């Protein structure tokens, strides 16, 4: 961990109130250069509001912020909460930057992604148009976007979810901030893309020696990225510990509840434990279902007639044809899928983005027409029914 004198953001007794409702209640922490602090807790615990307050993004007419937030700026220290809106604007993006949860809402759909990042570089770094473009292309390379020169002139809707989030990260890095606040930046992404984005954030943070505040409700994610963790519950920090210590010996019942609520694939409880179990003093050992009982249960389910039977289901989408060009080759999305679902059974369909999960569901419901194959529900063929039936 960095030395105390390298603290770049010192937050003391931060409280946020909306009317008579206190959402954040006196939290304190010191973020050091090169360190990542994880801020974890359930939805509504005050994590995102804390970050919005630190970024100066809360409406002052609707919220009341108290406390201190000392930001190291070269040889001097400024209290962010003492600044007016104009003064705060000079620090936002330049000294502190934020990566938001949903990239599509963080990007303006009417401007190219390159121009949006370049606008920040021109504002904070004083670059001209050509220098800003070169700066953005270099950032796109750093965040591992393909064909950065071409991607500069594309619009958000032309990018995948993972690419949009990389653009948002590039936007946050555009003015070379000291502190990066990440508000659940991988929640909207599938697990494969999530892994890439997490690796990217860790790599960029270490390379630039930024301080990072990583907000998430996912303990698995925070375990991978954070050096230290603050656990929030009902607006308060109920526990603070180094990452290894937190998982080895959680002290607060709420923390133990969060860890217990993460399913263990090697165990199968009769019911999943809840945070309330821990806050109420623990519900005692929860009965486990043995592998043998699970096997017998599966055999019993599959001895029935299937409720839904899929046989050789395929779906392809026709390639587009231009006025003077030949039609492109059809895109095959589903390849002769066959499976059954039995009464009382839960069947999981998993895969990365683009693997065909949604197309499968829509094809079964005939929201899109399958190219071939059969779908039978309770023995009745659905693919031959009229639209009204």
Protein backbone atom coordinates (compact mmCIF):
# COMPACT_ATOMS: atom_id res chain seq x y z
CA UNK A 1 0.00 0.00 0.00
CA UNK A 2 1.18 3.50 -0.74
CA UNK A 3 2.65 5.69 1.97
CA UNK A 4 0.28 8.04 3.87
CA UNK A 5 1.80 11.13 2.27
CA UNK A 6 0.64 9.89 -1.13
CA UNK A 7 -3.02 10.28 -0.21
CA UNK A 8 -4.77 12.01 -3.12
CA UNK A 9 -8.37 12.04 -1.89
CA UNK A 10 -9.26 12.32 1.80
CA UNK A 11 -13.01 12.08 2.49
CA UNK A 12 -14.16 12.96 6.01
CA UNK A 13 -17.68 12.54 7.40
CA UNK A 14 -19.44 12.69 4.03
CA UNK A 15 -23.20 12.92 4.47
CA UNK A 16 -25.85 13.43 1.81
CA UNK A 17 -29.44 14.32 2.59
CA UNK A 18 -32.44 14.66 0.29
CA UNK A 19 -35.02 16.61 2.26
CA UNK A 20 -35.30 14.79 5.59
CA UNK A 21 -33.97 11.53 4.12
CA UNK A 22 -30.28 10.84 4.92
CA UNK A 23 -28.88 8.63 2.17
CA UNK A 24 -25.18 8.78 3.09
CA UNK A 25 -24.38 9.06 6.78
CA UNK A 26 -20.88 10.19 7.77
CA UNK A 27 -18.57 7.98 5.70
CA UNK A 28 -14.80 8.56 5.72
CA UNK A 29 -11.88 7.10 3.79
CA UNK A 30 -8.48 8.06 2.38
CA UNK A 31 -7.59 7.01 -1.17
CA UNK A 32 -3.89 6.73 -1.96
CA UNK A 33 -2.10 6.94 -5.28
CA UNK A 34 -2.10 3.59 -7.05
CA UNK A 35 -4.69 2.13 -4.66
CA UNK A 36 -8.13 0.73 -5.49
CA UNK A 37 -10.83 0.93 -2.82
CA UNK A 38 -13.93 -1.19 -3.33
CA UNK A 39 -17.22 0.30 -2.15
CA UNK A 40 -19.72 -2.56 -1.79
CA UNK A 41 -23.26 -2.95 -0.58
CA UNK A 42 -26.77 -3.76 -1.75
CA UNK A 43 -28.80 -1.44 -3.97
CA UNK A 44 -29.87 1.63 -2.00
CA UNK A 45 -26.95 1.53 0.43
CA UNK A 46 -25.63 4.91 -0.75
CA UNK A 47 -22.70 3.85 -2.93
CA UNK A 48 -23.58 5.71 -6.12
CA UNK A 49 -24.82 8.80 -4.28
CA UNK A 50 -21.44 9.00 -2.53
CA UNK A 51 -19.66 8.95 -5.91
CA UNK A 52 -22.05 11.51 -7.40
CA UNK A 53 -21.41 13.81 -4.44
CA UNK A 54 -17.62 13.49 -4.89
CA UNK A 55 -18.03 14.32 -8.60
CA UNK A 56 -20.24 17.33 -7.84
CA UNK A 57 -23.08 15.87 -9.90
CA UNK A 58 -25.88 16.18 -7.33
CA UNK A 59 -28.43 18.94 -7.82
CA UNK A 60 -27.67 21.45 -5.08
CA UNK A 61 -31.30 22.57 -4.95
CA UNK A 62 -32.46 19.03 -4.12
CA UNK A 63 -29.58 17.68 -2.03
CA UNK A 64 -27.58 18.77 0.98
CA UNK A 65 -23.95 17.59 1.17
CA UNK A 66 -21.88 17.87 4.35
CA UNK A 67 -18.33 16.87 5.21
CA UNK A 68 -14.92 17.37 3.65
CA UNK A 69 -13.31 15.97 0.51
CA UNK A 70 -9.68 17.06 0.29
CA UNK A 71 -8.13 16.58 -3.15
CA UNK A 72 -4.35 16.81 -3.57
CA UNK A 73 -3.65 19.10 -6.50
CA UNK A 74 0.08 19.37 -6.98
CA UNK A 75 1.52 21.15 -3.96
CA UNK A 76 -1.86 22.37 -2.67
CA UNK A 77 -5.01 20.74 -1.30
CA UNK A 78 -8.56 21.80 -2.17
CA UNK A 79 -11.80 20.90 -0.43
CA UNK A 80 -14.15 19.90 -3.22
CA UNK A 81 -17.24 20.63 -1.17
CA UNK A 82 -16.17 24.25 -0.67
CA UNK A 83 -16.15 24.91 -4.44
CA UNK A 84 -18.96 26.51 -6.41
CA UNK A 85 -20.22 24.88 -9.61
CA UNK A 86 -17.83 26.75 -11.92
CA UNK A 87 -14.76 25.95 -9.80
CA UNK A 88 -15.82 22.31 -9.45
CA UNK A 89 -16.17 22.03 -13.23
CA UNK A 90 -12.47 22.73 -13.65
CA UNK A 91 -11.64 19.64 -11.55
CA UNK A 92 -14.31 17.30 -12.92
CA UNK A 93 -12.75 15.29 -15.71
CA UNK A 94 -9.31 16.79 -15.15
CA UNK A 95 -8.58 15.59 -11.60
CA UNK A 96 -11.52 13.27 -10.97
CA UNK A 97 -13.30 11.27 -13.65
CA UNK A 98 -16.10 8.72 -13.60
CA UNK A 99 -16.97 5.56 -15.52
CA UNK A 100 -20.72 5.04 -15.38
CA UNK A 101 -22.70 1.81 -15.21
CA UNK A 102 -24.57 2.01 -18.51
CA UNK A 103 -22.35 3.17 -21.41
CA UNK A 104 -25.23 3.97 -23.77
CA UNK A 105 -26.59 6.62 -21.38
CA UNK A 106 -23.09 8.05 -20.82
CA UNK A 107 -22.58 8.70 -24.54
CA UNK A 108 -24.46 11.21 -26.70
CA UNK A 109 -26.11 9.35 -29.62
CA UNK A 110 -25.87 12.32 -32.03
CA UNK A 111 -22.06 12.72 -31.91
CA UNK A 112 -19.36 10.30 -32.97
CA UNK A 113 -17.57 8.60 -30.10
CA UNK A 114 -14.24 10.10 -31.15
CA UNK A 115 -15.60 13.65 -31.13
CA UNK A 116 -17.07 13.16 -27.64
CA UNK A 117 -13.72 12.09 -26.20
CA UNK A 118 -11.89 14.80 -28.18
CA UNK A 119 -14.15 17.50 -26.70
CA UNK A 120 -12.93 16.59 -23.22
CA UNK A 121 -9.27 16.62 -24.36
CA UNK A 122 -9.66 20.03 -25.99
CA UNK A 123 -11.36 21.48 -22.90
CA UNK A 124 -8.99 20.20 -20.22
CA UNK A 125 -5.69 19.83 -22.10
CA UNK A 126 -6.01 22.79 -24.47
CA UNK A 127 -5.38 20.67 -27.58
CA UNK A 128 -6.28 21.81 -31.07
CA UNK A 129 -8.47 19.72 -33.35
CA UNK A 130 -5.68 17.64 -34.93
CA UNK A 131 -3.80 17.08 -31.67
CA UNK A 132 -7.05 16.09 -29.93
CA UNK A 133 -7.80 13.50 -32.62
CA UNK A 134 -4.31 12.00 -32.29
CA UNK A 135 -4.74 11.96 -28.50
CA UNK A 136 -8.08 10.15 -28.77
CA UNK A 137 -6.77 7.57 -31.25
CA UNK A 138 -3.92 6.84 -28.83
CA UNK A 139 -6.45 6.46 -26.00
CA UNK A 140 -8.55 4.09 -28.11
CA UNK A 141 -5.42 2.00 -28.68
CA UNK A 142 -4.69 2.04 -24.94
CA UNK A 143 -8.16 0.72 -24.10
CA UNK A 144 -7.71 -1.93 -26.81
CA UNK A 145 -10.42 -0.83 -29.23
CA UNK A 146 -10.09 -2.33 -32.74
CA UNK A 147 -9.32 -0.02 -35.69
CA UNK A 148 -9.17 3.16 -33.56
CA UNK A 149 -8.84 5.47 -36.59
CA UNK A 150 -12.05 4.12 -38.11
CA UNK A 151 -13.88 3.81 -34.82
CA UNK A 152 -13.26 7.52 -34.09
CA UNK A 153 -15.95 8.43 -36.67
CA UNK A 154 -18.55 5.90 -35.55
CA UNK A 155 -21.65 6.60 -33.49
CA UNK A 156 -22.48 4.83 -30.20
CA UNK A 157 -25.21 2.66 -31.75
CA UNK A 158 -22.64 1.22 -34.17
CA UNK A 159 -20.56 -0.26 -31.32
CA UNK A 160 -21.06 -3.33 -29.15
CA UNK A 161 -21.70 -2.97 -25.41
CA UNK A 162 -18.11 -3.82 -24.56
CA UNK A 163 -16.76 -1.34 -27.12
CA UNK A 164 -19.02 1.43 -25.80
CA UNK A 165 -17.76 0.83 -22.27
CA UNK A 166 -14.16 1.03 -23.50
CA UNK A 167 -15.01 4.37 -25.12
CA UNK A 168 -16.44 5.56 -21.80
CA UNK A 169 -13.20 4.50 -20.08
CA UNK A 170 -11.21 6.39 -22.74
CA UNK A 171 -13.43 9.44 -22.11
CA UNK A 172 -12.71 9.22 -18.38
CA UNK A 173 -8.96 8.98 -19.07
CA UNK A 174 -8.91 11.74 -21.67
CA UNK A 175 -7.71 14.50 -19.30
CA UNK A 176 -5.35 12.21 -17.35
CA UNK A 177 -7.17 12.34 -13.97
CA UNK A 178 -5.63 11.39 -10.63
CA UNK A 179 -8.77 9.69 -9.33
CA UNK A 180 -11.07 7.35 -11.26
CA UNK A 181 -14.52 6.57 -9.87
CA UNK A 182 -16.11 3.46 -11.40
CA UNK A 183 -19.83 3.01 -10.70
CA UNK A 184 -20.57 -0.66 -11.43
CA UNK A 185 -18.92 -0.39 -14.86
CA UNK A 186 -19.39 -4.06 -15.78
CA UNK A 187 -22.96 -4.68 -14.61
CA UNK A 188 -24.48 -4.17 -18.07
CA UNK A 189 -21.96 -6.51 -19.77
CA UNK A 190 -21.88 -10.28 -20.14
CA UNK A 191 -19.31 -12.18 -18.12
CA UNK A 192 -16.82 -12.61 -20.98
CA UNK A 193 -16.75 -8.91 -21.81
CA UNK A 194 -16.81 -8.12 -18.08
CA UNK A 195 -13.53 -9.97 -17.62
CA UNK A 196 -11.87 -7.98 -20.41
CA UNK A 197 -13.09 -4.65 -19.00
CA UNK A 198 -11.93 -5.49 -15.47
CA UNK A 199 -8.50 -6.49 -16.74
CA UNK A 200 -8.35 -3.25 -18.73
CA UNK A 201 -9.26 -1.09 -15.73
CA UNK A 202 -6.65 -2.78 -13.53
CA UNK A 203 -4.00 -2.42 -16.22
CA UNK A 204 -4.72 1.27 -16.86
CA UNK A 205 -4.87 2.08 -13.15
CA UNK A 206 -1.50 0.48 -12.46
CA UNK A 207 0.12 2.04 -15.51
CA UNK A 208 -1.05 5.55 -14.60
CA UNK A 209 -0.85 5.03 -10.81
CA UNK A 210 -4.31 6.49 -10.35
CA UNK A 211 -6.39 6.12 -7.23
CA UNK A 212 -9.57 4.20 -8.05
CA UNK A 213 -12.87 3.96 -6.18
CA UNK A 214 -14.70 0.91 -7.52
CA UNK A 215 -18.41 0.71 -6.69
CA UNK A 216 -20.16 -2.65 -7.00
CA UNK A 217 -22.61 -5.02 -5.36
CA UNK A 218 -20.67 -8.01 -6.72
CA UNK A 219 -18.20 -9.34 -4.16
CA UNK A 220 -16.56 -11.55 -6.78
CA UNK A 221 -15.69 -8.48 -8.85
CA UNK A 222 -14.40 -6.44 -5.92
CA UNK A 223 -12.21 -9.35 -4.83
CA UNK A 224 -10.39 -9.15 -8.17
CA UNK A 225 -9.81 -5.40 -8.39
CA UNK A 226 -9.67 -3.88 -4.90
CA UNK A 227 -6.85 -3.53 -2.38
CA UNK A 228 -9.21 -2.44 0.40
CA UNK A 229 -12.98 -2.60 0.86
CA UNK A 230 -15.59 -0.39 2.49
CA UNK A 231 -18.91 -2.16 3.15
CA UNK A 232 -21.94 0.15 3.13
CA UNK A 233 -25.33 -0.56 4.67
CA UNK A 234 -28.16 1.97 4.95
CA UNK A 235 -25.82 4.85 4.17
CA UNK A 236 -23.11 3.94 6.68
CA UNK A 237 -19.76 2.17 6.41
CA UNK A 238 -20.21 -0.87 8.64
CA UNK A 239 -16.83 -2.46 7.93
CA UNK A 240 -13.48 -1.54 6.40
CA UNK A 241 -10.72 -4.09 5.75
CA UNK A 242 -8.02 -5.22 3.37
CA UNK A 243 -9.50 -7.44 0.67
CA UNK A 244 -7.99 -10.72 1.90
CA UNK A 245 -8.91 -10.00 5.51
CA UNK A 246 -12.51 -9.18 4.59
CA UNK A 247 -13.10 -12.55 2.94
CA UNK A 248 -11.08 -14.51 5.51
CA UNK A 249 -12.68 -13.06 8.63
CA UNK A 250 -15.64 -10.70 8.00
CA UNK A 251 -16.60 -9.01 11.26
CA UNK A 252 -19.97 -7.35 10.68
CA UNK A 253 -23.11 -9.52 10.25
CA UNK A 254 -24.05 -7.56 7.12
CA UNK A 255 -20.68 -8.37 5.51
CA UNK A 256 -21.05 -12.03 6.45
CA UNK A 257 -24.52 -11.94 4.92
CA UNK A 258 -23.25 -10.49 1.63
CA UNK A 259 -20.61 -13.22 1.41
CA UNK A 260 -23.07 -15.97 2.38
CA UNK A 261 -25.54 -14.81 -0.28
CA UNK A 262 -23.05 -15.54 -3.05
CA UNK A 263 -23.97 -19.09 -4.17
CA UNK A 264 -21.29 -21.74 -3.76
CA UNK A 265 -21.42 -24.08 -6.79
CA UNK A 266 -20.12 -26.97 -4.68
CA UNK A 267 -23.04 -26.77 -2.23
CA UNK A 268 -26.80 -26.90 -2.73
CA UNK A 269 -28.84 -25.53 0.19
CA UNK A 270 -32.56 -26.20 0.47
CA UNK A 271 -32.93 -22.42 0.36
CA UNK A 272 -30.45 -19.64 -0.31
CA UNK A 273 -29.33 -17.72 2.80
CA UNK A 274 -30.18 -14.02 2.99
CA UNK A 275 -28.57 -10.97 4.54
CA UNK A 276 -31.51 -10.85 6.96
CA UNK A 277 -30.48 -14.26 8.31
CA UNK A 278 -27.15 -12.79 9.41
CA UNK A 279 -28.55 -9.49 10.68
CA UNK A 280 -31.04 -11.45 12.79
CA UNK A 281 -28.21 -13.34 14.44
CA UNK A 282 -27.99 -16.15 11.92
CA UNK A 283 -30.57 -18.77 11.09
CA UNK A 284 -28.28 -21.65 12.03
CA UNK A 285 -26.98 -24.21 9.53
CA UNK A 286 -29.10 -24.36 6.41
CA UNK A 287 -29.97 -27.88 5.29
CA UNK A 288 -28.05 -29.05 2.23
CA UNK A 289 -29.34 -31.20 -0.62
CA UNK A 290 -26.98 -34.11 -1.31
CA UNK A 291 -25.72 -34.96 -4.79
CA UNK A 292 -27.56 -38.27 -4.60
CA UNK A 293 -30.86 -36.54 -3.80
CA UNK A 294 -30.30 -34.12 -6.67
CA UNK A 295 -29.60 -37.01 -9.05
CA UNK A 296 -32.78 -38.80 -7.99
CA UNK A 297 -34.78 -35.58 -8.36
CA UNK A 298 -33.44 -35.07 -11.90
CA UNK A 299 -34.28 -38.66 -12.84
CA UNK A 300 -37.81 -38.21 -11.49
CA UNK A 301 -38.30 -35.04 -13.54
CA UNK A 302 -36.98 -36.60 -16.75
CA UNK A 303 -39.21 -39.66 -16.38
CA UNK A 304 -42.15 -37.42 -17.27
CA UNK A 305 -43.33 -36.39 -20.69
CA UNK A 306 -41.54 -33.18 -21.73
CA UNK A 307 -43.45 -29.96 -21.34
CA UNK A 308 -41.43 -28.37 -24.14
CA UNK A 309 -39.52 -30.26 -26.82
CA UNK A 310 -37.10 -28.56 -29.23
CA UNK A 311 -35.94 -30.65 -32.18
CA UNK A 312 -33.39 -29.49 -34.77
CA UNK A 313 -34.20 -25.79 -34.34
CA UNK A 314 -32.21 -23.52 -36.66
CA UNK A 315 -32.34 -19.83 -37.45
CA UNK A 316 -30.43 -17.84 -40.05
CA UNK A 317 -30.75 -14.21 -41.09
CA UNK A 318 -30.53 -13.27 -44.75
CA UNK A 319 -27.58 -11.16 -45.81
CA UNK A 320 -28.25 -7.66 -47.09
CA UNK A 321 -28.15 -6.91 -50.79
CA UNK A 322 -27.19 -3.55 -52.25
CA UNK A 323 -28.30 -2.01 -55.51
CA UNK A 324 -25.10 -2.99 -57.35
CA UNK A 325 -23.79 -5.72 -55.07
CA UNK A 326 -24.55 -9.37 -54.58
CA UNK A 327 -26.34 -10.48 -51.43
CA UNK A 328 -24.06 -11.20 -48.52
CA UNK A 329 -23.93 -14.72 -47.14
CA UNK A 330 -26.69 -15.61 -44.68
CA UNK A 331 -25.77 -15.48 -40.99
CA UNK A 332 -26.49 -18.74 -39.17
CA UNK A 333 -27.32 -18.06 -35.52
CA UNK A 334 -28.93 -21.32 -34.32
CA UNK A 335 -27.57 -24.66 -35.52
CA UNK A 336 -30.05 -27.54 -35.16
CA UNK A 337 -30.62 -27.23 -31.41
CA UNK A 338 -32.43 -30.08 -29.67
CA UNK A 339 -33.40 -30.33 -26.00
CA UNK A 340 -36.41 -30.86 -23.73
CA UNK A 341 -37.78 -29.09 -20.67
CA UNK A 342 -39.73 -31.17 -18.15
CA UNK A 343 -42.52 -30.14 -15.77
CA UNK A 344 -41.00 -28.68 -12.59
CA UNK A 345 -37.53 -28.31 -14.15
CA UNK A 346 -35.44 -25.16 -14.47
CA UNK A 347 -33.14 -25.25 -17.51
CA UNK A 348 -30.38 -22.64 -17.76
CA UNK A 349 -29.30 -21.29 -21.16
CA UNK A 350 -25.90 -19.59 -20.89
CA UNK A 351 -23.38 -18.11 -23.31
CA UNK A 352 -21.64 -14.90 -24.28
CA UNK A 353 -23.20 -12.04 -26.23
CA UNK A 354 -24.01 -13.18 -29.75
CA UNK A 355 -24.19 -16.89 -28.89
CA UNK A 356 -27.89 -17.10 -29.81
CA UNK A 357 -29.64 -17.15 -26.41
CA UNK A 358 -32.14 -14.40 -27.17
CA UNK A 359 -32.71 -15.64 -30.72
CA UNK A 360 -33.52 -19.07 -29.27
CA UNK A 361 -36.12 -17.66 -26.89
CA UNK A 362 -37.73 -15.54 -29.60
CA UNK A 363 -37.76 -18.46 -32.03
CA UNK A 364 -39.51 -20.71 -29.49
CA UNK A 365 -42.19 -18.04 -29.01
CA UNK A 366 -42.27 -17.35 -32.77
CA UNK A 367 -41.58 -13.69 -32.18
CA UNK A 368 -39.19 -14.44 -35.01
CA UNK A 369 -39.80 -17.36 -37.36
CA UNK A 370 -37.29 -20.24 -37.09
CA UNK A 371 -35.68 -21.31 -40.36
CA UNK A 372 -36.21 -25.01 -39.66
CA UNK A 373 -36.91 -27.46 -36.86
CA UNK A 374 -39.77 -28.22 -34.51
CA UNK A 375 -41.09 -26.72 -31.27
CA UNK A 376 -43.66 -28.78 -29.37
CA UNK A 377 -45.49 -27.58 -26.29
CA UNK A 378 -47.42 -30.31 -24.46
CA UNK A 379 -47.19 -32.38 -27.63
CA UNK A 380 -48.59 -29.64 -29.89
CA UNK A 381 -46.44 -28.37 -32.77
CA UNK A 382 -46.07 -24.60 -32.46
CA UNK A 383 -44.27 -23.92 -35.75
CA UNK A 384 -47.33 -24.94 -37.78
CA UNK A 385 -49.87 -22.86 -35.85
CA UNK A 386 -51.43 -19.79 -37.39
CA UNK A 387 -50.53 -16.42 -35.90
CA UNK A 388 -53.92 -16.27 -34.15
CA UNK A 389 -53.52 -19.75 -32.64
